[in-house]
Protein backbone atom coordinates (compact mmCIF):
# COMPACT_ATOMS: atom_id res chain seq x y z
CA MET A 1 -93.18 13.79 -118.56
CA ALA A 2 -94.94 14.39 -121.91
CA ALA A 3 -93.29 13.41 -124.88
CA SER A 4 -92.84 16.22 -126.73
CA THR A 5 -94.26 15.71 -130.65
CA PRO A 6 -93.36 17.21 -134.10
CA ASP A 7 -96.46 19.54 -133.66
CA THR A 8 -94.67 20.71 -130.23
CA ALA A 9 -91.54 20.78 -130.61
CA PRO A 10 -89.49 23.62 -130.67
CA ALA A 11 -88.59 25.14 -134.05
CA ALA A 12 -85.07 25.39 -135.09
CA PRO A 13 -83.22 28.43 -134.68
CA ARG A 14 -82.92 30.49 -138.23
CA ALA A 15 -79.38 30.75 -139.63
CA LYS A 16 -78.22 34.54 -139.78
CA ARG A 17 -78.23 35.62 -142.77
CA ASP A 18 -75.07 37.06 -144.08
CA ARG A 19 -75.42 40.21 -145.97
CA THR A 20 -71.22 40.80 -146.66
CA HIS A 21 -71.51 38.99 -149.79
CA TYR A 22 -73.20 41.88 -150.81
CA LEU A 23 -70.16 44.27 -149.56
CA TYR A 24 -67.55 42.03 -152.11
CA ILE A 25 -70.49 42.17 -154.78
CA ALA A 26 -69.72 46.19 -154.16
CA VAL A 27 -65.93 45.54 -154.20
CA ILE A 28 -66.37 43.96 -157.80
CA ALA A 29 -68.30 47.02 -159.16
CA ALA A 30 -65.69 49.42 -157.30
CA VAL A 31 -62.95 48.30 -159.00
CA ALA A 32 -64.87 48.06 -162.37
CA LEU A 33 -65.91 51.76 -162.10
CA GLY A 34 -62.58 52.72 -160.77
CA ILE A 35 -60.61 51.54 -163.71
CA ALA A 36 -63.47 53.36 -166.12
CA VAL A 37 -62.75 56.84 -163.88
CA GLY A 38 -59.26 55.77 -164.62
CA LEU A 39 -59.05 55.26 -168.44
CA ILE A 40 -61.54 58.15 -169.18
CA ARG A 41 -61.04 60.90 -166.47
CA PRO A 42 -57.12 60.40 -165.12
CA ASP A 43 -56.38 63.26 -164.37
CA ALA A 44 -60.03 63.33 -161.89
CA ALA A 45 -58.56 59.77 -160.83
CA VAL A 46 -55.13 60.28 -159.29
CA GLU A 47 -57.12 62.74 -157.06
CA LEU A 48 -59.12 59.72 -155.64
CA LYS A 49 -55.62 58.09 -154.22
CA PRO A 50 -56.64 59.35 -150.67
CA LEU A 51 -59.93 57.15 -150.65
CA GLY A 52 -57.82 53.88 -151.05
CA THR A 53 -54.95 55.16 -148.44
CA GLY A 54 -57.59 55.91 -146.22
CA PHE A 55 -58.73 52.84 -146.27
CA VAL A 56 -55.46 50.65 -145.95
CA ASN A 57 -54.69 52.70 -142.91
CA LEU A 58 -57.82 51.90 -141.07
CA VAL A 59 -56.90 48.44 -141.55
CA LYS A 60 -53.28 48.73 -140.61
CA MET A 61 -54.18 50.44 -137.47
CA MET A 62 -56.01 47.27 -136.65
CA ILE A 63 -52.59 45.18 -137.13
CA SER A 64 -50.73 45.80 -134.07
CA PRO A 65 -53.82 45.09 -131.21
CA ILE A 66 -54.64 42.00 -133.76
CA ILE A 67 -51.18 40.36 -133.76
CA PHE A 68 -51.04 40.93 -129.93
CA CYS A 69 -54.20 39.52 -129.38
CA THR A 70 -53.80 36.41 -131.21
CA ILE A 71 -50.00 35.77 -129.89
CA VAL A 72 -50.82 36.47 -126.49
CA LEU A 73 -53.43 33.98 -126.30
CA GLY A 74 -51.85 31.39 -128.57
CA ILE A 75 -48.86 31.27 -126.06
CA GLY A 76 -50.44 31.56 -122.70
CA SER A 77 -52.75 28.67 -123.61
CA VAL A 78 -49.86 25.92 -124.20
CA ARG A 79 -48.35 24.69 -121.10
CA LYS A 80 -45.00 23.93 -122.59
CA ALA A 81 -42.86 26.73 -123.68
CA ALA A 82 -40.73 23.95 -125.95
CA LYS A 83 -43.98 23.28 -128.10
CA VAL A 84 -43.96 27.33 -128.97
CA GLY A 85 -39.78 26.88 -129.77
CA ALA A 86 -40.95 23.93 -132.02
CA VAL A 87 -43.50 25.91 -134.47
CA GLY A 88 -41.48 28.92 -134.36
CA GLY A 89 -38.33 26.85 -135.81
CA ILE A 90 -40.56 24.78 -137.89
CA ALA A 91 -41.76 28.40 -139.57
CA LEU A 92 -38.67 29.84 -140.21
CA GLY A 93 -36.93 26.62 -141.82
CA TYR A 94 -39.71 26.67 -144.22
CA PHE A 95 -39.85 30.27 -144.67
CA LEU A 96 -36.15 30.00 -145.97
CA VAL A 97 -36.65 27.41 -148.23
CA MET A 98 -39.53 28.47 -149.78
CA SER A 99 -37.64 31.98 -150.35
CA LEU A 100 -34.91 30.22 -152.17
CA VAL A 101 -37.27 27.82 -154.30
CA ALA A 102 -39.10 31.22 -155.13
CA LEU A 103 -36.06 32.96 -156.23
CA ALA A 104 -34.51 29.57 -158.25
CA ILE A 105 -37.69 30.03 -160.04
CA GLY A 106 -37.83 33.77 -160.80
CA LEU A 107 -34.13 33.27 -161.42
CA VAL A 108 -35.08 30.76 -164.47
CA VAL A 109 -38.03 32.84 -165.93
CA GLY A 110 -35.86 35.71 -166.03
CA ASN A 111 -33.09 34.25 -168.04
CA VAL A 112 -35.67 32.61 -170.35
CA LEU A 113 -37.72 35.67 -171.06
CA HIS A 114 -34.68 38.61 -171.18
CA PRO A 115 -37.80 41.37 -170.85
CA GLY A 116 -35.27 44.30 -170.84
CA ASP A 117 -33.13 43.58 -174.07
CA GLY A 118 -33.68 46.87 -176.54
CA LEU A 119 -34.79 49.32 -174.20
CA HIS A 120 -33.05 52.55 -173.86
CA LEU A 121 -33.19 54.98 -170.70
CA THR A 122 -33.23 58.83 -170.70
CA GLU A 123 -32.26 60.94 -167.73
CA ALA A 124 -35.76 61.55 -166.46
CA ILE A 125 -35.93 57.35 -166.10
CA LYS A 126 -32.70 57.37 -164.19
CA GLN A 127 -33.74 60.02 -161.68
CA THR A 128 -36.76 58.30 -161.09
CA GLY A 129 -34.71 55.36 -160.34
CA HIS A 130 -32.33 56.86 -157.90
CA ALA A 131 -35.69 58.90 -156.37
CA GLN A 132 -36.80 55.46 -155.23
CA VAL A 133 -33.72 54.38 -153.23
CA ASP A 134 -34.80 53.92 -149.39
CA GLY A 135 -31.88 56.57 -147.61
CA LYS A 136 -33.18 54.42 -144.37
CA ALA A 137 -32.67 50.67 -145.80
CA LEU A 138 -31.30 49.11 -142.95
CA GLY A 139 -27.95 46.58 -143.00
CA PRO A 140 -28.61 43.22 -141.20
CA VAL A 141 -26.80 44.28 -137.39
CA ASP A 142 -29.34 47.57 -137.53
CA PHE A 143 -32.45 45.43 -138.50
CA VAL A 144 -32.02 43.20 -135.90
CA LEU A 145 -31.84 46.29 -133.67
CA SER A 146 -34.84 47.69 -135.33
CA ILE A 147 -36.85 44.89 -133.94
CA ILE A 148 -36.95 46.40 -130.42
CA PRO A 149 -39.21 49.01 -129.69
CA THR A 150 -38.19 52.16 -127.79
CA THR A 151 -41.12 51.40 -125.12
CA LEU A 152 -43.52 48.52 -124.68
CA VAL A 153 -46.22 51.01 -125.50
CA SER A 154 -44.22 51.98 -128.91
CA ALA A 155 -44.55 48.75 -130.65
CA PHE A 156 -48.14 49.72 -130.85
CA THR A 157 -48.15 52.95 -132.39
CA GLY A 158 -45.10 52.36 -135.33
CA ASP A 159 -45.27 50.19 -138.17
CA GLU A 160 -43.11 47.96 -137.36
CA VAL A 161 -45.01 45.11 -137.21
CA LEU A 162 -41.78 42.62 -135.95
CA GLN A 163 -41.88 45.09 -132.88
CA THR A 164 -45.60 44.22 -131.84
CA LEU A 165 -44.35 40.48 -132.88
CA LEU A 166 -41.56 40.57 -129.65
CA VAL A 167 -43.81 42.75 -127.27
CA ALA A 168 -46.23 39.32 -127.91
CA LEU A 169 -44.07 36.80 -127.51
CA LEU A 170 -42.75 38.39 -123.96
CA THR A 171 -45.99 39.37 -122.74
CA GLY A 172 -47.18 35.42 -123.88
CA PHE A 173 -44.04 33.30 -122.44
CA ALA A 174 -44.81 35.89 -119.07
CA LEU A 175 -48.20 34.84 -118.88
CA GLN A 176 -47.69 31.44 -119.51
CA ALA A 177 -45.06 31.45 -116.70
CA MET A 178 -47.74 33.17 -114.34
CA GLY A 179 -49.59 29.88 -114.55
CA PRO A 180 -53.08 30.11 -113.14
CA VAL A 181 -52.37 33.51 -111.94
CA GLY A 182 -52.61 35.00 -115.12
CA GLN A 183 -55.78 33.02 -116.43
CA PRO A 184 -57.85 36.08 -115.68
CA VAL A 185 -55.14 38.34 -118.32
CA LEU A 186 -55.52 36.07 -120.39
CA ARG A 187 -59.08 36.27 -120.16
CA GLY A 188 -59.18 39.77 -120.91
CA ILE A 189 -56.86 39.75 -123.88
CA GLU A 190 -59.63 37.51 -125.24
CA HIS A 191 -62.52 40.19 -124.93
CA VAL A 192 -60.21 42.70 -126.17
CA GLN A 193 -59.54 40.20 -129.34
CA ARG A 194 -63.68 40.15 -129.80
CA LEU A 195 -63.44 43.87 -129.43
CA VAL A 196 -61.19 44.37 -132.11
CA PHE A 197 -62.62 42.13 -134.94
CA ARG A 198 -65.54 43.63 -134.18
CA ILE A 199 -64.25 47.18 -135.34
CA LEU A 200 -62.38 45.48 -138.04
CA ALA A 201 -65.64 44.10 -139.32
CA MET A 202 -67.46 47.64 -139.14
CA ILE A 203 -64.24 48.89 -141.27
CA MET A 204 -64.44 46.00 -144.16
CA TRP A 205 -68.15 47.80 -145.00
CA LEU A 206 -65.62 50.66 -146.49
CA ALA A 207 -63.84 48.29 -148.57
CA PRO A 208 -65.37 49.10 -151.88
CA VAL A 209 -64.54 52.75 -151.38
CA GLY A 210 -61.06 52.24 -150.96
CA ALA A 211 -60.92 50.07 -153.89
CA PHE A 212 -62.42 52.64 -156.24
CA GLY A 213 -60.33 55.25 -155.25
CA ALA A 214 -56.77 53.27 -154.96
CA ILE A 215 -57.57 51.40 -158.73
CA ALA A 216 -58.56 54.59 -160.07
CA ALA A 217 -55.80 56.51 -158.86
CA VAL A 218 -53.05 53.55 -160.50
CA THR A 219 -55.06 53.96 -163.84
CA GLY A 220 -54.81 57.21 -164.12
CA SER A 221 -51.29 57.48 -163.24
CA ALA A 222 -50.20 54.68 -165.66
CA GLY A 223 -52.46 54.62 -168.45
CA ILE A 224 -52.74 51.79 -171.26
CA ASP A 225 -49.89 53.71 -173.08
CA ALA A 226 -47.70 53.27 -170.49
CA LEU A 227 -47.84 49.75 -169.96
CA LYS A 228 -47.48 48.75 -173.45
CA SER A 229 -43.49 48.44 -173.32
CA LEU A 230 -42.87 46.60 -170.56
CA ALA A 231 -46.44 43.72 -170.94
CA VAL A 232 -43.51 41.12 -171.58
CA LEU A 233 -41.91 41.86 -167.76
CA MET A 234 -45.62 41.95 -166.34
CA LEU A 235 -46.87 38.83 -167.66
CA GLY A 236 -44.11 36.97 -167.31
CA PHE A 237 -44.32 37.98 -163.59
CA TYR A 238 -48.04 37.06 -163.44
CA ILE A 239 -47.50 33.62 -165.09
CA THR A 240 -44.30 32.86 -162.59
CA CYS A 241 -46.33 33.49 -160.05
CA PHE A 242 -49.53 31.85 -161.16
CA LEU A 243 -47.17 28.56 -161.27
CA PHE A 244 -45.19 29.11 -157.99
CA VAL A 245 -49.05 28.92 -155.95
CA PHE A 246 -50.53 26.30 -158.34
CA ILE A 247 -47.61 23.95 -158.70
CA ALA A 248 -45.38 24.14 -156.35
CA LEU A 249 -47.47 25.37 -153.13
CA GLY A 250 -50.20 23.55 -154.58
CA ALA A 251 -48.19 20.08 -154.58
CA LEU A 252 -46.62 20.75 -151.03
CA LEU A 253 -50.35 21.50 -149.74
CA ARG A 254 -51.50 18.16 -151.40
CA ILE A 255 -48.82 15.92 -150.41
CA VAL A 256 -48.20 17.22 -146.65
CA ALA A 257 -51.48 18.41 -145.69
CA GLY A 258 -54.09 16.30 -148.08
CA VAL A 259 -55.98 19.77 -149.07
CA ASN A 260 -56.52 20.47 -152.59
CA VAL A 261 -55.03 23.95 -153.18
CA LEU A 262 -58.31 25.34 -155.70
CA SER A 263 -60.69 24.60 -152.64
CA PHE A 264 -58.12 25.91 -149.97
CA LEU A 265 -57.91 29.42 -152.37
CA LYS A 266 -61.65 29.38 -152.76
CA TYR A 267 -62.11 29.62 -149.33
CA LEU A 268 -59.99 32.62 -149.15
CA ALA A 269 -61.66 34.15 -152.35
CA ARG A 270 -62.94 37.39 -150.66
CA GLU A 271 -59.27 38.11 -148.99
CA PHE A 272 -57.61 37.91 -152.35
CA LEU A 273 -60.28 40.12 -153.75
CA LEU A 274 -59.25 42.58 -150.79
CA ILE A 275 -55.74 42.49 -151.81
CA LEU A 276 -56.49 42.72 -155.40
CA SER A 277 -58.49 46.05 -154.82
CA THR A 278 -56.05 47.56 -152.50
CA SER A 279 -53.05 45.81 -153.64
CA SER A 280 -51.96 45.17 -150.01
CA SER A 281 -51.71 42.04 -148.47
CA GLU A 282 -51.78 43.63 -145.01
CA SER A 283 -55.26 44.61 -145.78
CA ALA A 284 -56.14 41.01 -145.36
CA LEU A 285 -53.50 40.09 -142.54
CA PRO A 286 -56.18 40.08 -139.88
CA ARG A 287 -59.05 38.11 -141.82
CA LEU A 288 -56.33 35.38 -142.47
CA ILE A 289 -55.94 35.04 -138.98
CA ALA A 290 -59.37 34.49 -138.49
CA LYS A 291 -59.96 32.35 -141.18
CA MET A 292 -57.24 29.92 -140.14
CA GLU A 293 -58.27 29.52 -136.84
CA HIS A 294 -61.56 28.77 -137.96
CA LEU A 295 -60.27 26.18 -140.43
CA GLY A 296 -58.86 24.32 -137.95
CA VAL A 297 -55.72 25.11 -137.12
CA SER A 298 -54.34 25.73 -133.12
CA ARG A 299 -53.78 28.88 -131.61
CA PRO A 300 -50.00 28.79 -131.19
CA VAL A 301 -49.33 27.92 -134.83
CA VAL A 302 -51.71 30.88 -136.22
CA GLY A 303 -50.20 33.32 -134.05
CA ILE A 304 -46.98 32.63 -134.93
CA THR A 305 -46.96 31.44 -138.19
CA VAL A 306 -48.95 34.09 -139.85
CA PRO A 307 -47.28 37.45 -138.07
CA THR A 308 -44.13 36.04 -138.72
CA GLY A 309 -44.68 34.97 -142.34
CA TYR A 310 -45.86 38.35 -143.49
CA SER A 311 -42.41 39.56 -142.72
CA PHE A 312 -40.00 36.87 -143.37
CA ASN A 313 -41.91 34.30 -145.91
CA LEU A 314 -42.36 36.62 -149.05
CA ASP A 315 -42.23 34.52 -151.85
CA GLY A 316 -43.94 37.08 -154.49
CA THR A 317 -41.64 39.75 -153.31
CA MET A 318 -38.62 37.54 -153.89
CA ILE A 319 -39.62 36.49 -157.84
CA TYR A 320 -40.76 40.20 -158.33
CA MET A 321 -36.72 40.97 -157.49
CA THR A 322 -35.01 38.15 -159.13
CA MET A 323 -37.14 39.09 -162.56
CA ALA A 324 -36.91 43.07 -161.91
CA SER A 325 -33.40 42.86 -161.12
CA LEU A 326 -32.73 41.04 -164.56
CA TYR A 327 -34.89 42.83 -166.36
CA ILE A 328 -32.94 46.27 -165.50
CA ALA A 329 -29.57 44.64 -165.80
CA ASP A 330 -30.63 43.83 -169.55
CA ALA A 331 -32.05 47.27 -170.14
CA LEU A 332 -28.62 48.71 -169.23
CA GLY A 333 -27.28 46.61 -171.33
CA THR A 334 -24.88 44.97 -168.47
CA PRO A 335 -26.50 41.50 -168.48
CA MET A 336 -25.20 39.78 -165.77
CA SER A 337 -23.48 36.17 -165.70
CA ILE A 338 -25.09 33.55 -163.33
CA GLY A 339 -22.05 34.32 -160.98
CA GLU A 340 -23.25 37.81 -160.73
CA GLN A 341 -26.50 37.17 -160.33
CA ILE A 342 -26.76 34.60 -157.05
CA PRO A 343 -24.74 37.07 -154.80
CA LEU A 344 -27.04 39.79 -155.39
CA LEU A 345 -29.86 37.93 -155.15
CA LEU A 346 -29.03 36.11 -151.75
CA PHE A 347 -28.54 39.84 -150.89
CA LEU A 348 -31.94 40.61 -151.42
CA LEU A 349 -33.28 37.67 -149.81
CA LEU A 350 -31.67 38.98 -146.78
CA ALA A 351 -32.53 43.03 -147.79
CA SER A 352 -36.56 41.74 -148.24
CA LYS A 353 -37.31 40.55 -144.32
CA GLY A 354 -39.03 42.84 -142.72
CA ALA A 355 -40.70 44.60 -145.59
CA ALA A 356 -43.69 45.92 -145.40
CA GLY A 357 -46.97 44.14 -147.09
CA VAL A 358 -47.62 47.62 -148.20
CA SER A 359 -47.83 48.67 -151.85
CA GLY A 360 -44.31 50.26 -152.70
CA ALA A 361 -42.11 48.85 -150.37
CA GLY A 362 -41.09 45.89 -152.99
CA LEU A 363 -39.87 48.68 -155.06
CA ALA A 364 -38.14 50.77 -152.07
CA THR A 365 -36.48 47.55 -150.39
CA LEU A 366 -35.36 46.60 -154.50
CA ALA A 367 -33.81 50.18 -154.89
CA GLY A 368 -32.48 50.38 -151.34
CA GLY A 369 -30.58 46.56 -152.23
CA LEU A 370 -29.57 47.56 -155.58
CA GLN A 371 -27.85 51.03 -154.30
CA SER A 372 -25.64 48.58 -151.63
CA HIS A 373 -25.04 45.71 -153.36
CA LYS A 374 -24.63 46.94 -157.40
CA PRO A 375 -25.26 50.94 -157.48
CA ALA A 376 -24.83 50.61 -161.30
CA LEU A 377 -28.16 49.41 -161.62
CA VAL A 378 -30.02 52.03 -159.39
CA ASP A 379 -30.51 53.69 -162.81
CA GLY A 380 -32.77 51.54 -164.33
CA VAL A 381 -35.38 51.20 -161.30
CA GLY A 382 -37.31 53.90 -163.08
CA LEU A 383 -38.12 51.58 -165.93
CA ILE A 384 -40.53 49.84 -163.75
CA VAL A 385 -42.13 52.63 -161.48
CA GLY A 386 -44.98 53.00 -164.18
CA ILE A 387 -45.93 49.41 -163.65
CA ASP A 388 -45.21 48.54 -160.11
CA ARG A 389 -48.35 48.91 -158.92
CA PHE A 390 -49.64 46.59 -161.07
CA MET A 391 -47.13 43.95 -159.78
CA SER A 392 -47.34 44.84 -156.30
CA GLU A 393 -50.88 42.99 -157.04
CA ALA A 394 -49.33 39.70 -158.07
CA ARG A 395 -46.40 39.99 -154.96
CA ALA A 396 -49.38 40.60 -152.12
CA LEU A 397 -51.46 37.76 -153.95
CA THR A 398 -48.37 35.91 -153.77
CA ASN A 399 -47.07 36.33 -150.76
CA PHE A 400 -50.66 35.89 -148.77
CA ALA A 401 -51.16 32.79 -150.55
CA GLY A 402 -47.71 31.24 -149.09
CA ASN A 403 -48.41 32.61 -145.54
CA ALA A 404 -52.19 30.76 -145.64
CA VAL A 405 -50.48 27.82 -147.14
CA ALA A 406 -47.49 27.62 -144.76
CA THR A 407 -49.78 27.93 -142.00
CA VAL A 408 -51.88 24.75 -142.79
CA LEU A 409 -48.16 23.07 -143.44
CA VAL A 410 -46.94 24.10 -140.10
CA GLY A 411 -49.74 22.96 -138.47
CA THR A 412 -49.90 19.64 -139.96
CA TRP A 413 -46.16 18.91 -139.16
CA THR A 414 -46.94 19.90 -135.28
CA LYS A 415 -49.83 18.12 -135.09
CA GLU A 416 -51.81 21.20 -134.28
CA ILE A 417 -54.32 21.03 -137.11
CA ASP A 418 -57.98 19.06 -136.83
CA GLN A 419 -58.36 17.74 -140.06
CA GLU A 420 -61.66 16.40 -139.78
CA ARG A 421 -62.71 20.36 -139.17
CA VAL A 422 -60.49 21.42 -142.32
CA ARG A 423 -62.54 18.74 -144.39
CA ARG A 424 -65.80 20.20 -143.20
CA VAL A 425 -64.81 23.69 -143.68
CA LEU A 426 -63.59 23.49 -146.94
CA ALA A 427 -66.77 21.25 -148.04
CA GLY A 428 -68.77 24.49 -146.88
CA GLU A 429 -70.39 22.46 -143.65
CA LEU A 430 -68.92 25.14 -141.30
CA PRO A 431 -69.04 28.81 -142.85
CA PHE A 432 -67.05 31.41 -141.48
CA ASP A 433 -68.88 34.13 -139.35
CA GLU A 434 -68.07 36.91 -141.54
CA THR A 435 -70.16 39.35 -139.30
CA THR A 436 -67.88 39.01 -136.10
CA LEU A 437 -64.73 37.81 -137.89
CA MET A 438 -64.54 35.44 -134.94
CA ASP A 439 -66.00 31.68 -133.92
CA GLU A 440 -68.12 31.87 -130.71
CA GLY A 441 -67.46 28.97 -128.37
CA ARG A 442 -64.90 26.96 -131.08
CA VAL A 443 -63.56 23.99 -129.13
CA THR A 444 -59.39 24.50 -130.74
CA VAL A 445 -57.03 21.93 -130.95
CA THR A 446 -55.53 23.40 -128.29
CA ASP A 447 -58.07 23.21 -125.83
CA VAL A 448 -58.55 19.39 -126.19
CA ALA A 449 -54.66 19.40 -125.37
CA GLU A 450 -55.15 21.39 -122.24
CA GLN A 451 -58.22 19.34 -121.52
CA ARG A 452 -56.19 15.79 -121.92
CA GLU A 453 -53.17 17.33 -119.77
CA GLU A 454 -55.45 18.30 -117.13
CA GLU A 455 -57.21 15.01 -117.15
CA LEU A 456 -53.84 13.31 -116.81
CA ALA A 457 -52.98 15.78 -114.08
CA LYS A 458 -56.13 14.39 -112.03
CA ALA A 459 -55.63 10.73 -112.84
């Protein structure tokens, strides 16, 4: 056999050029253009709202199938159900603790700033507040019952993420119990997942159009003047979210996983831009699932932690509800004592679980919670309607960051994360495939564990 020489050796394959960075440059330009149109022609800008709504709806259309495929593949590929239960238990415990931490931080900042002092309510503002009350606000028992879908298929046609989560869990455990007989079904679902992510990649090219319509409509409807009297509340809320992400979550990420929060957030920069332009954390949920798997977190951890976190780990929403409640109480001239604040906020902690990641859900949940627990404060909800959309951006960004960090932490605690891969990905050595949102042929932590189990069984 002739030895190959440098002249005859085959050339290395050319790396596929990533054109998606042009897409996100276009999103930034669309946001700037949307703000300009909203300020110059506010009436016309408000009419552009369907562009943003349509884009968010397209992404939401893909969420149920993505969650279903991810969870089923994650659970179905694990040999022991106890491992799945351990991941879920650790995740839920962490979510509860961090929700209480977020409440405490918002409580401290709200009591220090007192941004609602000196405001006066008009009858129009009172009516606006009552209009935000969600008549369908559910109690704890009804909330649990609402998780059960009417039929197996209806979970994919409704807006309840938890219904999809329940069906996916049942399917995953059923396939796990079937053993080798269920492997063809798992392979079929894996092909469906690749198809769904490919469709999502196509939808993402509409992001600039959606961002332009959403930002233009918000700026046109609220305007600059409407924001001046509420600047203290907005500024306080943004600073609080910033401190929570970079100090509280950043410290946890460094201590537990040894990951630098700045490098981690840089890895998710495109998802943050997408959320900022649409004010919806759900728009980035499918990409978060794909990116966490690419980072090196195992499928079971990603499949359980991310979808569950979108309903139970709402750190930004908790900070928002705390500060908004205190703001409204001060504005009404009826400031609450600490003894009154804590029961109300614990009630809102329960009321917020299951709230959607779509813009406006936080305001409706706040109004519904106040109506159920302290009706006198509902009059003041109208005070924050004008800036809620701008606050919802920080709310969604904080919720997203909290769920991303939670996935890494749970993966570390359960030893279901490839630390070396995390280092290489965050260093830029293993770039994320933006064209398919999937890693073709990547060997996951779960795959390695299964291979070891098979080798031990043969031995």
